[in-house]
Amino acid sequence: MDHSRRAARRGFLGAWHYVRRIPEHHGIRLRALSTLWPQTPRSPAKSGQAAVLALGALLSSILLQAGRAQELARIEEVWVTPPDLHLTYVGGVVEAPDGAVIISDTNGRALYRFLPDSGTFSVFDRVGQGPGDLQIPVLLTLTPNGDVALYDVGRRSVLLYTANLTPVRNIQMRELITNPKGFVYLADGTYILSGGSMAARMMNDTIFAVHHYDEDGRLLYRYVQLPDSQFRDSLIQIAGGPVSSLSDGGFLYSNSAPHRILRLDGDFIEHVFAEDEGVIEPIVDRFARTVIEDGVEKTRFEWFHDQSRGVFQMSDQRVLNIITRQYRGDSIWEIWKPDGELDRRFRVPRAYRPLAKTRDDHVLAVYEHPETSEWVVASLRVLD
């Protein structure tokens, strides 16, 4: 892929860039030297480039051996979805109370009910404006009574279904949350969406990353105020990050970039749980860039910049935060102790995008298949 080739072309300088940043990452350990670089075919015409790349790899090896020992990426794939689902882009995943896994295919405008034990699935793909009909289905979560909740950007609505994907209710919202990154229902029946509010853009208002709504979609409160920036439109698009509920009725929020995890307990007061500036670089001034293609000026967006994509409280009260680095083809997994101290951090050589946690603490994540470019849902277990 183009991203892999671009990473490989960094050669010696790229190797040095990665190695010199490793101390800043406080414990990221590469599983193997071969995973430092995306693997690309080499041709005789690029032998010079290959030699430079090899030199960079040698330097990386020496510096890594002089630094911290390697740590194996300790996760295990429990199951993956079969290829006959043909998922074009997965926006959301959630485990239903009966053990079925509900998947939203954003580009395919469909919901899938997948049964991991049998590998079978059913599809809800009704498009329109009627009850339960889809437009642009993205994030999924569960309500306190076990219904499946879908945030549909195209309908500007939260759509509720039973676990069998029978439509229950359409909650029409009064504002659009663009580029949504987190969605969770709380124990009191209210829900949280994170992302950029288009209302703030239209009214030139203060930008917040997290938005709290009642059971009828009315705004209750906004959290995580962002500092104003000359790149205001970019700030609205990058605002937000993953969220997940806490047992006390509050929620966790992990800022997409830069790295910062907040805990909002039942009092909904923002407390910094953990942060590490060296892990994810700020993106606001680089999110949008102007390019000239065929003499035409176009704007390109770094939608898949390095960012926190999932944050979950585990059954032992530790917090798992996962950073997806799509362009590098890997992900960084962090486990934080209940007091906010880092337990461990490791690199996994696949760009998993986490979307949900199951009742038994497995992570439901997606990745793009390297050969078909279709999306795969995987159940992942972290090994202690």
Protein backbone atom coordinates (compact mmCIF):
# COMPACT_ATOMS: atom_id res chain seq x y z
CA MET A 1 0.00 0.00 0.00
CA ASP A 2 1.05 3.61 -0.49
CA HIS A 3 1.31 4.27 3.23
CA SER A 4 3.69 1.33 3.65
CA ARG A 5 5.87 2.46 0.78
CA ARG A 6 5.99 5.96 2.16
CA ALA A 7 7.08 4.64 5.55
CA ALA A 8 9.73 2.43 3.97
CA ARG A 9 11.18 5.35 1.99
CA ARG A 10 12.09 7.10 5.21
CA GLY A 11 15.11 4.76 5.27
CA PHE A 12 17.90 5.73 7.58
CA LEU A 13 16.26 8.96 8.76
CA GLY A 14 13.03 7.14 9.48
CA ALA A 15 14.83 4.54 11.56
CA TRP A 16 16.58 7.24 13.54
CA HIS A 17 13.28 9.09 14.05
CA TYR A 18 11.59 6.03 15.54
CA VAL A 19 14.55 5.03 17.69
CA ARG A 20 15.14 8.45 19.19
CA ARG A 21 11.46 8.64 20.17
CA ILE A 22 11.41 5.32 22.00
CA PRO A 23 12.63 6.74 25.33
CA GLU A 24 9.79 9.28 25.21
CA HIS A 25 7.28 6.47 25.02
CA HIS A 26 8.10 5.19 28.53
CA GLY A 27 8.15 1.50 27.78
CA ILE A 28 7.07 0.87 24.19
CA ARG A 29 9.08 -2.17 23.18
CA LEU A 30 9.20 -3.43 19.65
CA ARG A 31 8.23 -7.08 19.29
CA ALA A 32 10.82 -7.78 16.62
CA LEU A 33 13.12 -5.72 14.47
CA SER A 34 11.24 -6.80 11.35
CA THR A 35 8.13 -5.03 12.60
CA LEU A 36 9.87 -1.67 12.76
CA TRP A 37 9.32 -1.26 9.02
CA PRO A 38 6.31 -2.03 6.87
CA GLN A 39 7.51 -4.75 4.51
CA THR A 40 7.47 -3.77 0.82
CA PRO A 41 8.76 -5.59 -2.27
CA ARG A 42 12.17 -4.47 -3.45
CA SER A 43 13.33 -4.21 -7.02
CA PRO A 44 16.91 -4.09 -8.40
CA ALA A 45 16.27 -0.48 -9.42
CA LYS A 46 15.86 0.39 -5.75
CA SER A 47 18.93 -1.41 -4.48
CA GLY A 48 20.40 1.85 -3.23
CA GLN A 49 17.28 2.55 -1.25
CA ALA A 50 17.37 -1.02 0.11
CA ALA A 51 20.94 -0.54 1.27
CA VAL A 52 20.03 2.66 3.09
CA LEU A 53 17.06 0.91 4.64
CA ALA A 54 19.28 -1.96 5.81
CA LEU A 55 21.72 0.51 7.33
CA GLY A 56 18.84 2.17 9.18
CA ALA A 57 17.64 -1.19 10.45
CA LEU A 58 21.16 -2.06 11.67
CA LEU A 59 21.39 1.23 13.54
CA SER A 60 17.94 0.62 15.03
CA SER A 61 19.01 -2.85 16.21
CA ILE A 62 22.14 -1.52 17.92
CA LEU A 63 20.28 1.28 19.65
CA LEU A 64 17.41 -0.93 20.73
CA GLN A 65 19.77 -3.52 22.21
CA ALA A 66 21.53 -0.76 24.10
CA GLY A 67 18.19 0.45 25.46
CA ARG A 68 15.23 -1.47 26.82
CA ALA A 69 14.62 -5.16 26.34
CA GLN A 70 11.93 -6.26 23.94
CA GLU A 71 8.45 -7.11 25.15
CA LEU A 72 6.23 -9.44 23.16
CA ALA A 73 2.88 -8.08 22.06
CA ARG A 74 0.74 -10.01 24.50
CA ILE A 75 -2.65 -10.25 22.83
CA GLU A 76 -4.48 -13.18 21.31
CA GLU A 77 -7.12 -13.30 18.58
CA VAL A 78 -10.07 -15.33 19.91
CA TRP A 79 -12.08 -15.16 16.67
CA VAL A 80 -12.40 -13.07 13.51
CA THR A 81 -15.34 -12.49 11.22
CA PRO A 82 -15.50 -14.61 8.03
CA PRO A 83 -14.67 -13.03 4.66
CA ASP A 84 -18.20 -13.50 3.32
CA LEU A 85 -19.42 -10.53 5.37
CA HIS A 86 -17.58 -8.23 2.89
CA LEU A 87 -17.41 -5.32 5.31
CA THR A 88 -16.52 -2.09 3.51
CA TYR A 89 -15.87 0.15 6.54
CA VAL A 90 -16.80 -0.73 10.11
CA GLY A 91 -18.06 2.25 12.09
CA GLY A 92 -19.13 0.48 15.27
CA VAL A 93 -19.22 -2.86 17.07
CA VAL A 94 -20.96 -3.95 20.27
CA GLU A 95 -21.73 -7.20 22.05
CA ALA A 96 -25.47 -7.74 22.59
CA PRO A 97 -26.76 -9.26 25.87
CA ASP A 98 -27.33 -12.63 24.15
CA GLY A 99 -23.69 -12.83 23.01
CA ALA A 100 -24.31 -11.79 19.41
CA VAL A 101 -21.99 -9.13 17.99
CA ILE A 102 -23.64 -6.21 16.21
CA ILE A 103 -21.57 -4.53 13.49
CA SER A 104 -22.29 -1.30 11.61
CA ASP A 105 -20.94 -1.09 8.06
CA THR A 106 -20.86 2.63 7.40
CA ASN A 107 -20.16 2.57 3.67
CA GLY A 108 -22.38 -0.46 3.09
CA ARG A 109 -25.20 1.18 5.08
CA ALA A 110 -26.03 -2.01 6.94
CA LEU A 111 -26.11 -3.61 10.38
CA TYR A 112 -24.90 -7.17 10.87
CA ARG A 113 -25.82 -9.53 13.68
CA PHE A 114 -22.93 -11.98 13.92
CA LEU A 115 -22.88 -15.13 16.05
CA PRO A 116 -19.25 -15.96 16.94
CA ASP A 117 -19.99 -19.53 18.05
CA SER A 118 -21.51 -20.59 14.72
CA GLY A 119 -19.95 -18.02 12.39
CA THR A 120 -23.40 -17.18 10.97
CA PHE A 121 -24.87 -13.74 10.50
CA SER A 122 -27.98 -11.83 9.46
CA VAL A 123 -28.21 -8.39 7.86
CA PHE A 124 -30.42 -5.33 8.39
CA ASP A 125 -29.85 -3.04 5.41
CA ARG A 126 -33.00 -0.99 5.06
CA VAL A 127 -32.07 2.50 3.87
CA GLY A 128 -34.41 5.45 4.20
CA GLN A 129 -36.09 7.71 6.74
CA GLY A 130 -38.55 5.25 8.30
CA PRO A 131 -38.32 3.56 11.71
CA GLY A 132 -34.84 2.07 12.07
CA ASP A 133 -33.86 2.95 8.50
CA LEU A 134 -30.20 3.72 7.90
CA GLN A 135 -28.32 6.55 6.22
CA ILE A 136 -24.76 6.75 7.59
CA PRO A 137 -24.52 4.28 10.50
CA VAL A 138 -21.46 4.74 12.67
CA LEU A 139 -21.01 4.15 16.41
CA LEU A 140 -22.76 1.46 18.46
CA THR A 141 -23.32 0.94 22.18
CA LEU A 142 -25.85 -0.65 24.55
CA THR A 143 -28.56 1.07 26.58
CA PRO A 144 -29.02 0.16 30.26
CA ASN A 145 -31.92 -2.16 29.36
CA GLY A 146 -29.89 -4.02 26.73
CA ASP A 147 -31.15 -2.38 23.54
CA VAL A 148 -28.63 -1.70 20.76
CA ALA A 149 -28.05 2.02 20.21
CA LEU A 150 -26.71 3.32 16.89
CA TYR A 151 -25.57 6.86 16.13
CA ASP A 152 -26.48 7.59 12.50
CA VAL A 153 -24.73 10.73 11.24
CA GLY A 154 -26.87 10.90 8.10
CA ARG A 155 -30.10 10.93 10.06
CA ARG A 156 -28.64 13.01 12.92
CA SER A 157 -30.29 10.50 15.21
CA VAL A 158 -29.75 7.79 17.78
CA LEU A 159 -31.59 4.68 16.58
CA LEU A 160 -32.56 1.98 19.09
CA TYR A 161 -33.01 -1.70 18.22
CA THR A 162 -33.54 -4.95 20.05
CA ALA A 163 -30.68 -7.45 20.08
CA ASN A 164 -32.38 -9.06 17.05
CA LEU A 165 -32.23 -5.70 15.18
CA THR A 166 -35.92 -4.95 15.41
CA PRO A 167 -36.37 -1.14 15.42
CA VAL A 168 -37.51 0.28 18.77
CA ARG A 169 -37.16 4.04 18.69
CA ASN A 170 -35.68 6.97 16.77
CA ILE A 171 -34.22 9.77 18.93
CA GLN A 172 -33.91 12.84 16.72
CA MET A 173 -31.07 15.11 17.82
CA ARG A 174 -30.99 18.88 17.55
CA GLU A 175 -27.37 19.13 16.48
CA LEU A 176 -24.90 17.18 14.39
CA ILE A 177 -21.76 15.71 15.96
CA THR A 178 -19.26 15.46 13.14
CA ASN A 179 -16.47 12.90 12.96
CA PRO A 180 -17.84 11.17 16.09
CA LYS A 181 -15.28 9.18 18.07
CA GLY A 182 -17.10 7.97 21.16
CA PHE A 183 -20.63 6.91 22.13
CA VAL A 184 -21.85 5.40 25.38
CA TYR A 185 -25.04 5.16 27.42
CA LEU A 186 -24.81 5.76 31.16
CA ALA A 187 -26.67 3.92 33.90
CA ASP A 188 -29.28 6.70 34.25
CA GLY A 189 -30.39 6.37 30.61
CA THR A 190 -28.59 9.49 29.36
CA TYR A 191 -25.86 9.18 26.75
CA ILE A 192 -22.50 10.65 25.78
CA LEU A 193 -21.24 11.49 22.29
CA SER A 194 -17.75 12.80 21.60
CA GLY A 195 -16.67 14.67 18.50
CA GLY A 196 -17.05 18.14 17.01
CA SER A 197 -20.34 20.01 17.32
CA MET A 198 -21.38 21.70 14.10
CA ALA A 199 -23.44 24.11 16.23
CA ALA A 200 -20.19 25.48 17.65
CA ARG A 201 -18.90 25.99 14.13
CA MET A 202 -22.00 27.79 12.87
CA MET A 203 -22.27 30.04 15.94
CA ASN A 204 -18.50 30.56 16.27
CA ASP A 205 -18.91 29.28 19.82
CA THR A 206 -16.53 27.60 22.28
CA ILE A 207 -15.47 24.15 21.11
CA PHE A 208 -16.03 21.19 23.42
CA ALA A 209 -15.05 17.58 22.81
CA VAL A 210 -17.73 15.71 24.80
CA HIS A 211 -21.50 16.19 24.79
CA HIS A 212 -24.08 14.81 27.25
CA TYR A 213 -27.72 14.27 26.23
CA ASP A 214 -30.87 13.14 28.01
CA GLU A 215 -32.96 10.15 26.92
CA ASP A 216 -34.82 12.35 24.39
CA GLY A 217 -31.69 13.78 22.77
CA ARG A 218 -31.73 17.16 24.52
CA LEU A 219 -28.34 18.60 25.44
CA LEU A 220 -27.58 18.46 29.16
CA TYR A 221 -23.96 19.56 29.34
CA ARG A 222 -20.67 19.77 27.46
CA TYR A 223 -17.27 18.71 28.80
CA VAL A 224 -13.59 19.07 27.87
CA GLN A 225 -13.29 22.60 26.53
CA LEU A 226 -10.63 22.91 23.85
CA PRO A 227 -8.28 25.89 23.57
CA ASP A 228 -9.11 28.21 20.69
CA SER A 229 -6.95 27.91 17.61
CA GLN A 230 -6.43 29.60 14.28
CA PHE A 231 -7.14 26.15 12.81
CA ARG A 232 -10.72 26.23 14.09
CA ASP A 233 -12.27 23.97 11.45
CA SER A 234 -9.56 21.37 12.03
CA LEU A 235 -10.10 21.62 15.79
CA ILE A 236 -13.79 20.78 15.37
CA GLN A 237 -12.95 17.74 13.24
CA ILE A 238 -10.29 16.32 15.59
CA ALA A 239 -12.27 17.06 18.77
CA GLY A 240 -13.25 14.08 20.87
CA GLY A 241 -12.05 10.57 21.52
CA PRO A 242 -13.29 7.22 22.82
CA VAL A 243 -15.54 7.02 25.88
CA SER A 244 -16.73 4.17 28.09
CA SER A 245 -18.96 3.92 31.14
CA LEU A 246 -17.85 3.48 34.76
CA SER A 247 -19.58 1.43 37.43
CA ASP A 248 -20.37 4.55 39.49
CA GLY A 249 -22.44 6.09 36.70
CA GLY A 250 -19.68 8.25 35.25
CA PHE A 251 -17.42 7.67 32.27
CA LEU A 252 -13.86 7.58 30.95
CA TYR A 253 -12.73 9.81 28.10
CA SER A 254 -9.47 9.43 26.19
CA ASN A 255 -8.48 12.40 24.06
CA SER A 256 -7.71 11.32 20.50
CA ALA A 257 -4.60 13.52 20.26
CA PRO A 258 -2.54 14.52 22.15
CA HIS A 259 -2.56 11.79 24.83
CA ARG A 260 -4.77 12.48 27.85
CA ILE A 261 -7.23 10.27 29.75
CA LEU A 262 -9.94 11.90 31.87
CA ARG A 263 -12.18 10.29 34.46
CA LEU A 264 -15.59 11.84 35.10
CA ASP A 265 -17.17 10.02 38.02
CA GLY A 266 -20.83 10.25 39.03
CA ASP A 267 -20.35 13.95 39.86
CA PHE A 268 -19.20 14.56 36.23
CA ILE A 269 -16.24 16.65 37.34
CA GLU A 270 -13.24 16.29 35.06
CA HIS A 271 -10.24 14.60 36.68
CA VAL A 272 -7.02 13.88 34.79
CA PHE A 273 -6.49 10.13 35.18
CA ALA A 274 -3.33 9.83 33.07
CA GLU A 275 -1.43 11.73 30.40
CA ASP A 276 1.83 11.34 28.51
CA GLU A 277 2.75 14.05 26.02
CA GLY A 278 5.42 11.93 24.36
CA VAL A 279 3.07 9.23 23.09
CA ILE A 280 0.85 11.10 20.59
CA GLU A 281 1.83 14.31 18.87
CA PRO A 282 -0.69 17.17 18.54
CA ILE A 283 -2.33 17.18 15.12
CA VAL A 284 -4.43 20.34 14.93
CA ASP A 285 -1.94 22.35 12.84
CA ARG A 286 -1.29 19.43 10.47
CA PHE A 287 -4.76 17.90 10.13
CA ALA A 288 -5.67 19.78 6.95
CA ARG A 289 -3.20 20.54 4.16
CA THR A 290 -3.51 22.02 0.70
CA VAL A 291 -2.16 20.09 -2.28
CA ILE A 292 -2.14 20.71 -6.02
CA GLU A 293 -3.34 17.81 -8.16
CA ASP A 294 -3.55 18.21 -11.95
CA GLY A 295 -3.39 21.96 -11.50
CA VAL A 296 -6.33 21.96 -9.07
CA GLU A 297 -5.99 23.03 -5.44
CA LYS A 298 -7.43 20.46 -3.04
CA THR A 299 -7.57 19.99 0.71
CA ARG A 300 -6.41 16.72 2.20
CA PHE A 301 -7.25 15.63 5.75
CA GLU A 302 -5.24 13.35 8.03
CA TRP A 303 -8.26 11.37 9.18
CA PHE A 304 -6.11 8.43 10.28
CA HIS A 305 -3.48 10.28 12.28
CA ASP A 306 -2.06 8.60 15.40
CA GLN A 307 -4.83 8.70 17.99
CA SER A 308 -6.37 6.99 20.99
CA ARG A 309 -9.23 4.85 19.68
CA GLY A 310 -10.43 2.90 22.69
CA VAL A 311 -10.48 3.27 26.47
CA PHE A 312 -12.03 0.67 28.79
CA GLN A 313 -12.20 -0.06 32.50
CA MET A 314 -11.45 -3.75 32.98
CA SER A 315 -13.08 -5.99 35.56
CA ASP A 316 -10.04 -5.62 37.86
CA GLN A 317 -10.46 -1.79 37.73
CA ARG A 318 -7.38 -1.26 35.56
CA VAL A 319 -7.81 0.92 32.47
CA LEU A 320 -6.89 -0.21 28.98
CA ASN A 321 -6.15 2.53 26.44
CA ILE A 322 -5.35 1.67 22.82
CA ILE A 323 -3.67 3.98 20.31
CA THR A 324 -4.08 3.20 16.62
CA ARG A 325 -1.26 4.24 14.28
CA GLN A 326 -2.85 3.52 10.91
CA TYR A 327 -0.06 4.88 8.74
CA ARG A 328 2.59 2.89 10.62
CA GLY A 329 0.46 -0.26 10.58
CA ASP A 330 0.56 -0.87 14.34
CA SER A 331 -1.13 -0.05 17.63
CA ILE A 332 0.07 0.83 21.12
CA TRP A 333 -1.65 -0.85 24.06
CA GLU A 334 -1.46 0.74 27.51
CA ILE A 335 -2.63 -0.73 30.82
CA TRP A 336 -3.01 1.77 33.65
CA LYS A 337 -3.42 0.88 37.31
CA PRO A 338 -6.52 2.19 39.14
CA ASP A 339 -4.45 5.03 40.65
CA GLY A 340 -3.34 6.27 37.21
CA GLU A 341 0.14 4.74 37.30
CA LEU A 342 1.27 3.07 34.08
CA ASP A 343 1.37 -0.71 34.48
CA ARG A 344 2.78 -1.52 31.04
CA ARG A 345 2.72 -0.41 27.44
CA PHE A 346 3.47 -2.51 24.38
CA ARG A 347 3.34 -2.33 20.63
CA VAL A 348 1.23 -4.66 18.49
CA PRO A 349 2.28 -4.92 14.81
CA ARG A 350 -1.25 -4.44 13.47
CA ALA A 351 -3.32 -1.26 13.33
CA TYR A 352 -6.23 -2.52 15.39
CA ARG A 353 -9.03 0.02 15.88
CA PRO A 354 -10.81 -0.92 19.13
CA LEU A 355 -14.53 -0.25 19.35
CA ALA A 356 -15.95 -2.15 22.34
CA LYS A 357 -15.24 -4.41 25.29
CA THR A 358 -17.12 -7.64 25.97
CA ARG A 359 -18.41 -8.85 29.32
CA ASP A 360 -15.35 -11.10 29.70
CA ASP A 361 -12.92 -8.24 29.03
CA HIS A 362 -12.16 -9.13 25.41
CA VAL A 363 -11.65 -6.19 23.07
CA LEU A 364 -13.72 -6.01 19.88
CA ALA A 365 -11.52 -4.32 17.31
CA VAL A 366 -11.35 -3.97 13.54
CA TYR A 367 -8.59 -3.84 10.99
CA GLU A 368 -8.28 -3.57 7.23
CA HIS A 369 -7.38 -6.84 5.53
CA PRO A 370 -4.02 -6.27 3.75
CA GLU A 371 -5.02 -8.22 0.62
CA THR A 372 -8.73 -7.52 0.12
CA SER A 373 -8.97 -4.06 1.78
CA GLU A 374 -12.18 -5.28 3.38
CA TRP A 375 -12.63 -4.85 7.13
CA VAL A 376 -12.35 -7.62 9.67
CA VAL A 377 -13.77 -7.68 13.20
CA ALA A 378 -11.65 -9.51 15.77
CA SER A 379 -12.17 -10.47 19.40
CA LEU A 380 -8.89 -9.90 21.24
CA ARG A 381 -7.75 -11.07 24.64
CA VAL A 382 -4.96 -9.32 26.55
CA LEU A 383 -2.61 -11.85 28.13
CA ASP A 384 -1.07 -11.03 31.51
